[in-house]
Structures are given as C-alpha cells and as structure tokens.
C-alpha cells in the first residue's frame, strides 16, 4: 500500500479536478477528510448477499470526505488520489 495521505493531499486532488463539492444534503461546502493513521484505511467490501459472512475479492480502499455542517459522508477512491499525488507531488 502507498504511504498515508492527509487532508491537504486529498483537498489538493479535489481542487485539481476543478470542482468545489457541495454537500447534497445541506448544500454547504465545508468539508474535511477523516485522515489515515498508522497505515489504517477505510474500505468498501463487496459481500455475497445470500451469505453476508463470506467476502469476495472486491475491495475498494477509500477516504471519507465528511461535511462539517451535517456529517454527510462521501467516499473518495484512495488509489486514484495516491496515483495523482505520485504524478503531481508539488502541485
């Protein structure tokens, strides 16, 4: 796994995409990321609906973008951000 990312890097990535996301719930634009610590990451894991205790190999590591006003959470694919940071380390 690539090195831990922080809020500054995630926000730099989002800003590079030309958008300033607005919360779909409360329509404010104050966001924060729950930062990774000690190589821990958040993940969405695809499960088998018929047997939810059995996991398959479909895992997506994400960062959690959180609205500071209402607490709405939006996942951001970690791999895409990490790749962009590798390609754009200073900008």
PDB file of N, CA and C in Angstrom:
ATOM      1  N   UNK A   1       0.849  -1.177   0.000  1.00  0.00           N
ATOM      2  CA  UNK A   1       0.000   0.000   0.000  1.00  0.00           C
ATOM      3  C   UNK A   1       0.893   1.238   0.000  1.00  0.00           C
ATOM      4  N   UNK A   2       0.422   2.269  -0.667  1.00  0.00           N
ATOM      5  CA  UNK A   2       1.173   3.517  -0.760  1.00  0.00           C
ATOM      6  C   UNK A   2       1.161   4.241   0.581  1.00  0.00           C
ATOM      7  N   UNK A   3       2.042   5.222   0.758  1.00  0.00           N
ATOM      8  CA  UNK A   3       2.093   5.958   2.030  1.00  0.00           C
ATOM      9  C   UNK A   3       0.763   6.621   2.367  1.00  0.00           C
ATOM     10  N   UNK A   4       0.577   6.900   3.638  1.00  0.00           N
ATOM     11  CA  UNK A   4      -0.658   7.537   4.115  1.00  0.00           C
ATOM     12  C   UNK A   4      -0.854   8.896   3.445  1.00  0.00           C
ATOM     13  N   UNK A   5      -2.095   9.205   3.183  1.00  0.00           N
ATOM     14  CA  UNK A   5      -2.461  10.502   2.621  1.00  0.00           C
ATOM     15  C   UNK A   5      -3.109  11.321   3.728  1.00  0.00           C
ATOM     16  N   UNK A   6      -3.034  12.644   3.588  1.00  0.00           N
ATOM     17  CA  UNK A   6      -3.663  13.502   4.597  1.00  0.00           C
ATOM     18  C   UNK A   6      -4.680  14.427   3.937  1.00  0.00           C
ATOM     19  N   UNK A   7      -5.384  15.186   4.755  1.00  0.00           N
ATOM     20  CA  UNK A   7      -6.442  16.069   4.244  1.00  0.00           C
ATOM     21  C   UNK A   7      -5.925  17.021   3.178  1.00  0.00           C
ATOM     22  N   UNK A   8      -4.747  17.577   3.390  1.00  0.00           N
ATOM     23  CA  UNK A   8      -4.186  18.529   2.438  1.00  0.00           C
ATOM     24  C   UNK A   8      -4.043  17.894   1.063  1.00  0.00           C
ATOM     25  N   UNK A   9      -3.578  16.648   1.006  1.00  0.00           N
ATOM     26  CA  UNK A   9      -3.384  15.974  -0.280  1.00  0.00           C
ATOM     27  C   UNK A   9      -4.720  15.640  -0.942  1.00  0.00           C
ATOM     28  N   UNK A  10      -5.683  15.189  -0.157  1.00  0.00           N
ATOM     29  CA  UNK A  10      -6.997  14.907  -0.730  1.00  0.00           C
ATOM     30  C   UNK A  10      -7.644  16.173  -1.274  1.00  0.00           C
ATOM     31  N   UNK A  11      -7.553  17.267  -0.523  1.00  0.00           N
ATOM     32  CA  UNK A  11      -8.154  18.516  -0.971  1.00  0.00           C
ATOM     33  C   UNK A  11      -7.434  19.058  -2.204  1.00  0.00           C
ATOM     34  N   UNK A  12      -6.118  18.886  -2.257  1.00  0.00           N
ATOM     35  CA  UNK A  12      -5.352  19.294  -3.441  1.00  0.00           C
ATOM     36  C   UNK A  12      -5.824  18.526  -4.674  1.00  0.00           C
ATOM     37  N   UNK A  13      -6.050  17.230  -4.488  1.00  0.00           N
ATOM     38  CA  UNK A  13      -6.553  16.396  -5.580  1.00  0.00           C
ATOM     39  C   UNK A  13      -7.920  16.893  -6.053  1.00  0.00           C
ATOM     40  N   UNK A  14      -8.856  17.083  -5.120  1.00  0.00           N
ATOM     41  CA  UNK A  14     -10.196  17.532  -5.496  1.00  0.00           C
ATOM     42  C   UNK A  14     -10.157  18.892  -6.185  1.00  0.00           C
ATOM     43  N   UNK A  15      -9.346  19.809  -5.660  1.00  0.00           N
ATOM     44  CA  UNK A  15      -9.234  21.134  -6.280  1.00  0.00           C
ATOM     45  C   UNK A  15      -8.663  21.043  -7.691  1.00  0.00           C
ATOM     46  N   UNK A  16      -7.778  20.071  -7.943  1.00  0.00           N
ATOM     47  CA  UNK A  16      -7.191  19.917  -9.277  1.00  0.00           C
ATOM     48  C   UNK A  16      -8.230  19.484 -10.298  1.00  0.00           C
ATOM     49  N   UNK A  17      -9.327  18.932  -9.842  1.00  0.00           N
ATOM     50  CA  UNK A  17     -10.385  18.468 -10.740  1.00  0.00           C
ATOM     51  C   UNK A  17     -11.359  19.582 -11.084  1.00  0.00           C
ATOM     52  N   UNK A  18     -11.109  20.777 -10.554  1.00  0.00           N
ATOM     53  CA  UNK A  18     -11.887  21.947 -10.938  1.00  0.00           C
ATOM     54  C   UNK A  18     -13.200  22.118 -10.209  1.00  0.00           C
ATOM     55  N   UNK A  19     -13.435  21.312  -9.222  1.00  0.00           N
ATOM     56  CA  UNK A  19     -14.706  21.430  -8.533  1.00  0.00           C
ATOM     57  C   UNK A  19     -14.549  21.742  -7.067  1.00  0.00           C
ATOM     58  N   UNK A  20     -15.560  22.314  -6.519  1.00  0.00           N
ATOM     59  CA  UNK A  20     -15.666  22.536  -5.088  1.00  0.00           C
ATOM     60  C   UNK A  20     -16.973  21.874  -4.687  1.00  0.00           C
ATOM     61  N   UNK A  21     -16.891  20.627  -4.215  1.00  0.00           N
ATOM     62  CA  UNK A  21     -18.120  19.879  -3.973  1.00  0.00           C
ATOM     63  C   UNK A  21     -19.021  20.525  -2.931  1.00  0.00           C
ATOM     64  N   UNK A  22     -20.303  20.515  -3.238  1.00  0.00           N
ATOM     65  CA  UNK A  22     -21.329  20.988  -2.320  1.00  0.00           C
ATOM     66  C   UNK A  22     -22.027  19.772  -1.743  1.00  0.00           C
ATOM     67  N   UNK A  23     -22.316  19.806  -0.475  1.00  0.00           N
ATOM     68  CA  UNK A  23     -22.987  18.692   0.179  1.00  0.00           C
ATOM     69  C   UNK A  23     -24.374  18.494  -0.435  1.00  0.00           C
ATOM     70  N   UNK A  24     -24.715  17.267  -0.825  1.00  0.00           N
ATOM     71  CA  UNK A  24     -26.032  17.030  -1.412  1.00  0.00           C
ATOM     72  C   UNK A  24     -27.170  17.083  -0.381  1.00  0.00           C
ATOM     73  N   UNK A  25     -26.837  17.089   0.888  1.00  0.00           N
ATOM     74  CA  UNK A  25     -27.853  17.125   1.938  1.00  0.00           C
ATOM     75  C   UNK A  25     -28.154  18.559   2.374  1.00  0.00           C
ATOM     76  N   UNK A  26     -27.116  19.291   2.810  1.00  0.00           N
ATOM     77  CA  UNK A  26     -27.343  20.627   3.368  1.00  0.00           C
ATOM     78  C   UNK A  26     -26.871  21.758   2.457  1.00  0.00           C
ATOM     79  N   UNK A  27     -26.242  21.419   1.320  1.00  0.00           N
ATOM     80  CA  UNK A  27     -25.793  22.361   0.303  1.00  0.00           C
ATOM     81  C   UNK A  27     -24.725  23.343   0.775  1.00  0.00           C
ATOM     82  N   UNK A  28     -23.969  22.975   1.809  1.00  0.00           N
ATOM     83  CA  UNK A  28     -22.818  23.791   2.201  1.00  0.00           C
ATOM     84  C   UNK A  28     -21.573  23.215   1.535  1.00  0.00           C
ATOM     85  N   UNK A  29     -20.452  23.931   1.646  1.00  0.00           N
ATOM     86  CA  UNK A  29     -19.232  23.441   1.008  1.00  0.00           C
ATOM     87  C   UNK A  29     -18.070  23.310   1.984  1.00  0.00           C
ATOM     88  N   UNK A  30     -18.358  23.099   3.256  1.00  0.00           N
ATOM     89  CA  UNK A  30     -17.312  22.899   4.250  1.00  0.00           C
ATOM     90  C   UNK A  30     -17.063  21.414   4.462  1.00  0.00           C
ATOM     91  N   UNK A  31     -15.925  20.934   3.966  1.00  0.00           N
ATOM     92  CA  UNK A  31     -15.606  19.515   4.028  1.00  0.00           C
ATOM     93  C   UNK A  31     -14.326  19.272   4.818  1.00  0.00           C
ATOM     94  N   UNK A  32     -14.197  18.089   5.350  1.00  0.00           N
ATOM     95  CA  UNK A  32     -12.957  17.633   5.950  1.00  0.00           C
ATOM     96  C   UNK A  32     -12.799  16.159   5.608  1.00  0.00           C
ATOM     97  N   UNK A  33     -11.589  15.663   5.671  1.00  0.00           N
ATOM     98  CA  UNK A  33     -11.334  14.242   5.470  1.00  0.00           C
ATOM     99  C   UNK A  33     -11.010  13.597   6.798  1.00  0.00           C
ATOM    100  N   UNK A  34     -11.483  12.384   6.984  1.00  0.00           N
ATOM    101  CA  UNK A  34     -11.011  11.585   8.112  1.00  0.00           C
ATOM    102  C   UNK A  34      -9.669  11.032   7.661  1.00  0.00           C
ATOM    103  N   UNK A  35      -8.600  11.462   8.317  1.00  0.00           N
ATOM    104  CA  UNK A  35      -7.258  11.124   7.861  1.00  0.00           C
ATOM    105  C   UNK A  35      -6.842   9.718   8.272  1.00  0.00           C
ATOM    106  N   UNK A  36      -5.960   9.156   7.444  1.00  0.00           N
ATOM    107  CA  UNK A  36      -5.394   7.848   7.730  1.00  0.00           C
ATOM    108  C   UNK A  36      -4.354   7.990   8.833  1.00  0.00           C
ATOM    109  N   UNK A  37      -4.286   7.000   9.671  1.00  0.00           N
ATOM    110  CA  UNK A  37      -3.275   6.981  10.722  1.00  0.00           C
ATOM    111  C   UNK A  37      -2.716   5.569  10.835  1.00  0.00           C
ATOM    112  N   UNK A  38      -1.427   5.456  11.029  1.00  0.00           N
ATOM    113  CA  UNK A  38      -0.781   4.157  11.244  1.00  0.00           C
ATOM    114  C   UNK A  38      -1.113   3.151  10.153  1.00  0.00           C
ATOM    115  N   UNK A  39      -1.119   3.604   8.902  1.00  0.00           N
ATOM    116  CA  UNK A  39      -1.385   2.744   7.749  1.00  0.00           C
ATOM    117  C   UNK A  39      -2.789   2.138   7.753  1.00  0.00           C
ATOM    118  N   UNK A  40      -3.714   2.685   8.530  1.00  0.00           N
ATOM    119  CA  UNK A  40      -5.093   2.209   8.508  1.00  0.00           C
ATOM    120  C   UNK A  40      -5.843   2.940   7.403  1.00  0.00           C
ATOM    121  N   UNK A  41      -6.711   2.219   6.730  1.00  0.00           N
ATOM    122  CA  UNK A  41      -7.536   2.800   5.684  1.00  0.00           C
ATOM    123  C   UNK A  41      -8.966   2.338   5.861  1.00  0.00           C
ATOM    124  N   UNK A  42      -9.865   3.043   5.220  1.00  0.00           N
ATOM    125  CA  UNK A  42     -11.267   2.634   5.192  1.00  0.00           C
ATOM    126  C   UNK A  42     -11.495   1.896   3.890  1.00  0.00           C
ATOM    127  N   UNK A  43     -12.443   0.967   3.883  1.00  0.00           N
ATOM    128  CA  UNK A  43     -12.694   0.201   2.678  1.00  0.00           C
ATOM    129  C   UNK A  43     -14.164  -0.133   2.545  1.00  0.00           C
ATOM    130  N   UNK A  44     -14.594  -0.179   1.295  1.00  0.00           N
ATOM    131  CA  UNK A  44     -15.885  -0.767   0.972  1.00  0.00           C
ATOM    132  C   UNK A  44     -15.575  -2.181   0.524  1.00  0.00           C
ATOM    133  N   UNK A  45     -16.310  -3.125   1.035  1.00  0.00           N
ATOM    134  CA  UNK A  45     -16.083  -4.515   0.683  1.00  0.00           C
ATOM    135  C   UNK A  45     -17.368  -5.073   0.095  1.00  0.00           C
ATOM    136  N   UNK A  46     -17.261  -5.677  -1.055  1.00  0.00           N
ATOM    137  CA  UNK A  46     -18.416  -6.305  -1.684  1.00  0.00           C
ATOM    138  C   UNK A  46     -18.668  -7.652  -1.007  1.00  0.00           C
ATOM    139  N   UNK A  47     -19.900  -7.883  -0.602  1.00  0.00           N
ATOM    140  CA  UNK A  47     -20.237  -9.151   0.038  1.00  0.00           C
ATOM    141  C   UNK A  47     -21.269  -9.899  -0.795  1.00  0.00           C
ATOM    142  N   UNK A  48     -21.380 -11.160  -0.525  1.00  0.00           N
ATOM    143  CA  UNK A  48     -22.378 -12.011  -1.166  1.00  0.00           C
ATOM    144  C   UNK A  48     -23.686 -11.833  -0.411  1.00  0.00           C
ATOM    145  N   UNK A  49     -24.717 -11.314  -1.068  1.00  0.00           N
ATOM    146  CA  UNK A  49     -25.989 -11.049  -0.405  1.00  0.00           C
ATOM    147  C   UNK A  49     -26.610 -12.295   0.221  1.00  0.00           C
ATOM    148  N   UNK A  50     -26.432 -13.423  -0.435  1.00  0.00           N
ATOM    149  CA  UNK A  50     -27.007 -14.661   0.076  1.00  0.00           C
ATOM    150  C   UNK A  50     -26.248 -15.210   1.276  1.00  0.00           C
ATOM    151  N   UNK A  51     -24.995 -14.809   1.416  1.00  0.00           N
ATOM    152  CA  UNK A  51     -24.175 -15.276   2.532  1.00  0.00           C
ATOM    153  C   UNK A  51     -23.262 -14.121   2.963  1.00  0.00           C
ATOM    154  N   UNK A  52     -23.818 -13.143   3.709  1.00  0.00           N
ATOM    155  CA  UNK A  52     -23.060 -11.914   4.007  1.00  0.00           C
ATOM    156  C   UNK A  52     -21.810 -12.116   4.858  1.00  0.00           C
ATOM    157  N   UNK A  53     -21.594 -13.287   5.396  1.00  0.00           N
ATOM    158  CA  UNK A  53     -20.366 -13.513   6.164  1.00  0.00           C
ATOM    159  C   UNK A  53     -19.206 -13.905   5.253  1.00  0.00           C
ATOM    160  N   UNK A  54     -19.490 -14.193   3.990  1.00  0.00           N
ATOM    161  CA  UNK A  54     -18.448 -14.592   3.042  1.00  0.00           C
ATOM    162  C   UNK A  54     -18.073 -13.402   2.172  1.00  0.00           C
ATOM    163  N   UNK A  55     -16.818 -13.029   2.177  1.00  0.00           N
ATOM    164  CA  UNK A  55     -16.339 -11.901   1.393  1.00  0.00           C
ATOM    165  C   UNK A  55     -15.683 -12.403   0.114  1.00  0.00           C
ATOM    166  N   UNK A  56     -15.820 -11.632  -0.955  1.00  0.00           N
ATOM    167  CA  UNK A  56     -15.053 -11.948  -2.150  1.00  0.00           C
ATOM    168  C   UNK A  56     -13.899 -10.951  -2.250  1.00  0.00           C
ATOM    169  N   UNK A  57     -13.235 -10.930  -3.376  1.00  0.00           N
ATOM    170  CA  UNK A  57     -12.014 -10.128  -3.502  1.00  0.00           C
ATOM    171  C   UNK A  57     -12.269  -8.672  -3.881  1.00  0.00           C
ATOM    172  N   UNK A  58     -13.498  -8.238  -3.977  1.00  0.00           N
ATOM    173  CA  UNK A  58     -13.788  -6.872  -4.406  1.00  0.00           C
ATOM    174  C   UNK A  58     -13.723  -5.898  -3.231  1.00  0.00           C
ATOM    175  N   UNK A  59     -12.595  -5.234  -3.116  1.00  0.00           N
ATOM    176  CA  UNK A  59     -12.377  -4.270  -2.043  1.00  0.00           C
ATOM    177  C   UNK A  59     -11.947  -2.952  -2.663  1.00  0.00           C
ATOM    178  N   UNK A  60     -12.544  -1.853  -2.214  1.00  0.00           N
ATOM    179  CA  UNK A  60     -12.152  -0.524  -2.678  1.00  0.00           C
ATOM    180  C   UNK A  60     -11.732   0.299  -1.465  1.00  0.00           C
ATOM    181  N   UNK A  61     -10.472   0.662  -1.395  1.00  0.00           N
ATOM    182  CA  UNK A  61      -9.994   1.499  -0.297  1.00  0.00           C
ATOM    183  C   UNK A  61     -10.389   2.941  -0.584  1.00  0.00           C
ATOM    184  N   UNK A  62     -10.955   3.601   0.416  1.00  0.00           N
ATOM    185  CA  UNK A  62     -11.475   4.946   0.235  1.00  0.00           C
ATOM    186  C   UNK A  62     -11.056   5.856   1.379  1.00  0.00           C
ATOM    187  N   UNK A  63     -11.106   7.150   1.089  1.00  0.00           N
ATOM    188  CA  UNK A  63     -11.018   8.167   2.127  1.00  0.00           C
ATOM    189  C   UNK A  63     -12.437   8.655   2.353  1.00  0.00           C
ATOM    190  N   UNK A  64     -12.703   9.100   3.550  1.00  0.00           N
ATOM    191  CA  UNK A  64     -14.046   9.577   3.860  1.00  0.00           C
ATOM    192  C   UNK A  64     -14.057  11.097   3.916  1.00  0.00           C
ATOM    193  N   UNK A  65     -14.772  11.698   2.983  1.00  0.00           N
ATOM    194  CA  UNK A  65     -14.975  13.136   2.907  1.00  0.00           C
ATOM    195  C   UNK A  65     -16.237  13.430   3.716  1.00  0.00           C
ATOM    196  N   UNK A  66     -16.117  14.281   4.736  1.00  0.00           N
ATOM    197  CA  UNK A  66     -17.214  14.496   5.672  1.00  0.00           C
ATOM    198  C   UNK A  66     -17.644  15.962   5.656  1.00  0.00           C
ATOM    199  N   UNK A  67     -18.951  16.186   5.512  1.00  0.00           N
ATOM    200  CA  UNK A  67     -19.494  17.548   5.581  1.00  0.00           C
ATOM    201  C   UNK A  67     -19.391  18.038   7.025  1.00  0.00           C
ATOM    202  N   UNK A  68     -18.786  19.205   7.204  1.00  0.00           N
ATOM    203  CA  UNK A  68     -18.623  19.761   8.552  1.00  0.00           C
ATOM    204  C   UNK A  68     -19.937  20.248   9.149  1.00  0.00           C
ATOM    205  N   UNK A  69     -20.931  20.488   8.302  1.00  0.00           N
ATOM    206  CA  UNK A  69     -22.205  21.001   8.788  1.00  0.00           C
ATOM    207  C   UNK A  69     -23.151  19.890   9.242  1.00  0.00           C
ATOM    208  N   UNK A  70     -23.393  18.901   8.365  1.00  0.00           N
ATOM    209  CA  UNK A  70     -24.411  17.901   8.688  1.00  0.00           C
ATOM    210  C   UNK A  70     -23.863  16.498   8.912  1.00  0.00           C
ATOM    211  N   UNK A  71     -22.585  16.267   8.568  1.00  0.00           N
ATOM    212  CA  UNK A  71     -21.995  14.953   8.783  1.00  0.00           C
ATOM    213  C   UNK A  71     -22.174  13.978   7.637  1.00  0.00           C
ATOM    214  N   UNK A  72     -22.728  14.422   6.519  1.00  0.00           N
ATOM    215  CA  UNK A  72     -22.835  13.544   5.351  1.00  0.00           C
ATOM    216  C   UNK A  72     -21.444  13.042   4.990  1.00  0.00           C
ATOM    217  N   UNK A  73     -21.338  11.763   4.605  1.00  0.00           N
ATOM    218  CA  UNK A  73     -20.053  11.153   4.274  1.00  0.00           C
ATOM    219  C   UNK A  73     -20.051  10.719   2.815  1.00  0.00           C
ATOM    220  N   UNK A  74     -18.998  11.089   2.101  1.00  0.00           N
ATOM    221  CA  UNK A  74     -18.818  10.683   0.706  1.00  0.00           C
ATOM    222  C   UNK A  74     -17.464   9.982   0.577  1.00  0.00           C
ATOM    223  N   UNK A  75     -17.436   8.803  -0.012  1.00  0.00           N
ATOM    224  CA  UNK A  75     -16.161   8.105  -0.205  1.00  0.00           C
ATOM    225  C   UNK A  75     -15.412   8.652  -1.416  1.00  0.00           C
ATOM    226  N   UNK A  76     -14.092   8.689  -1.319  1.00  0.00           N
ATOM    227  CA  UNK A  76     -13.228   9.086  -2.428  1.00  0.00           C
ATOM    228  C   UNK A  76     -12.220   7.959  -2.612  1.00  0.00           C
ATOM    229  N   UNK A  77     -12.106   7.443  -3.826  1.00  0.00           N
ATOM    230  CA  UNK A  77     -11.243   6.303  -4.097  1.00  0.00           C
ATOM    231  C   UNK A  77      -9.786   6.663  -3.828  1.00  0.00           C
ATOM    232  N   UNK A  78      -9.190   5.997  -2.847  1.00  0.00           N
ATOM    233  CA  UNK A  78      -7.835   6.291  -2.393  1.00  0.00           C
ATOM    234  C   UNK A  78      -6.798   6.097  -3.489  1.00  0.00           C
ATOM    235  N   UNK A  79      -6.919   5.025  -4.250  1.00  0.00           N
ATOM    236  CA  UNK A  79      -5.928   4.709  -5.278  1.00  0.00           C
ATOM    237  C   UNK A  79      -5.809   5.814  -6.315  1.00  0.00           C
ATOM    238  N   UNK A  80      -6.945   6.375  -6.717  1.00  0.00           N
ATOM    239  CA  UNK A  80      -6.911   7.446  -7.719  1.00  0.00           C
ATOM    240  C   UNK A  80      -6.186   8.671  -7.165  1.00  0.00           C
ATOM    241  N   UNK A  81      -6.440   9.009  -5.899  1.00  0.00           N
ATOM    242  CA  UNK A  81      -5.775  10.159  -5.280  1.00  0.00           C
ATOM    243  C   UNK A  81      -4.281   9.891  -5.145  1.00  0.00           C
ATOM    244  N   UNK A  82      -3.911   8.710  -4.666  1.00  0.00           N
ATOM    245  CA  UNK A  82      -2.496   8.371  -4.482  1.00  0.00           C
ATOM    246  C   UNK A  82      -1.742   8.421  -5.808  1.00  0.00           C
ATOM    247  N   UNK A  83      -2.345   7.903  -6.870  1.00  0.00           N
ATOM    248  CA  UNK A  83      -1.693   7.946  -8.185  1.00  0.00           C
ATOM    249  C   UNK A  83      -1.495   9.388  -8.644  1.00  0.00           C
ATOM    250  N   UNK A  84      -2.514  10.235  -8.442  1.00  0.00           N
ATOM    251  CA  UNK A  84      -2.402  11.634  -8.846  1.00  0.00           C
ATOM    252  C   UNK A  84      -1.305  12.338  -8.046  1.00  0.00           C
ATOM    253  N   UNK A  85      -1.235  12.069  -6.744  1.00  0.00           N
ATOM    254  CA  UNK A  85      -0.199  12.684  -5.901  1.00  0.00           C
ATOM    255  C   UNK A  85       1.187  12.247  -6.354  1.00  0.00           C
ATOM    256  N   UNK A  86       1.339  10.963  -6.729  1.00  0.00           N
ATOM    257  CA  UNK A  86       2.635  10.491  -7.247  1.00  0.00           C
ATOM    258  C   UNK A  86       3.034  11.258  -8.499  1.00  0.00           C
ATOM    259  N   UNK A  87       2.059  11.547  -9.356  1.00  0.00           N
ATOM    260  CA  UNK A  87       2.329  12.259 -10.612  1.00  0.00           C
ATOM    261  C   UNK A  87       2.479  13.766 -10.410  1.00  0.00           C
ATOM    262  N   UNK A  88       1.936  14.299  -9.317  1.00  0.00           N
ATOM    263  CA  UNK A  88       1.927  15.750  -9.047  1.00  0.00           C
ATOM    264  C   UNK A  88       2.358  16.021  -7.603  1.00  0.00           C
ATOM    265  N   UNK A  89       3.590  15.685  -7.253  1.00  0.00           N
ATOM    266  CA  UNK A  89       3.988  15.778  -5.841  1.00  0.00           C
ATOM    267  C   UNK A  89       4.001  17.193  -5.273  1.00  0.00           C
ATOM    268  N   UNK A  90       4.125  18.200  -6.113  1.00  0.00           N
ATOM    269  CA  UNK A  90       4.217  19.578  -5.597  1.00  0.00           C
ATOM    270  C   UNK A  90       3.118  20.478  -6.100  1.00  0.00           C
ATOM    271  N   UNK A  91       2.161  19.969  -6.813  1.00  0.00           N
ATOM    272  CA  UNK A  91       1.199  20.889  -7.380  1.00  0.00           C
ATOM    273  C   UNK A  91      -0.135  20.328  -7.500  1.00  0.00           C
TER     274      UNK A  91
END
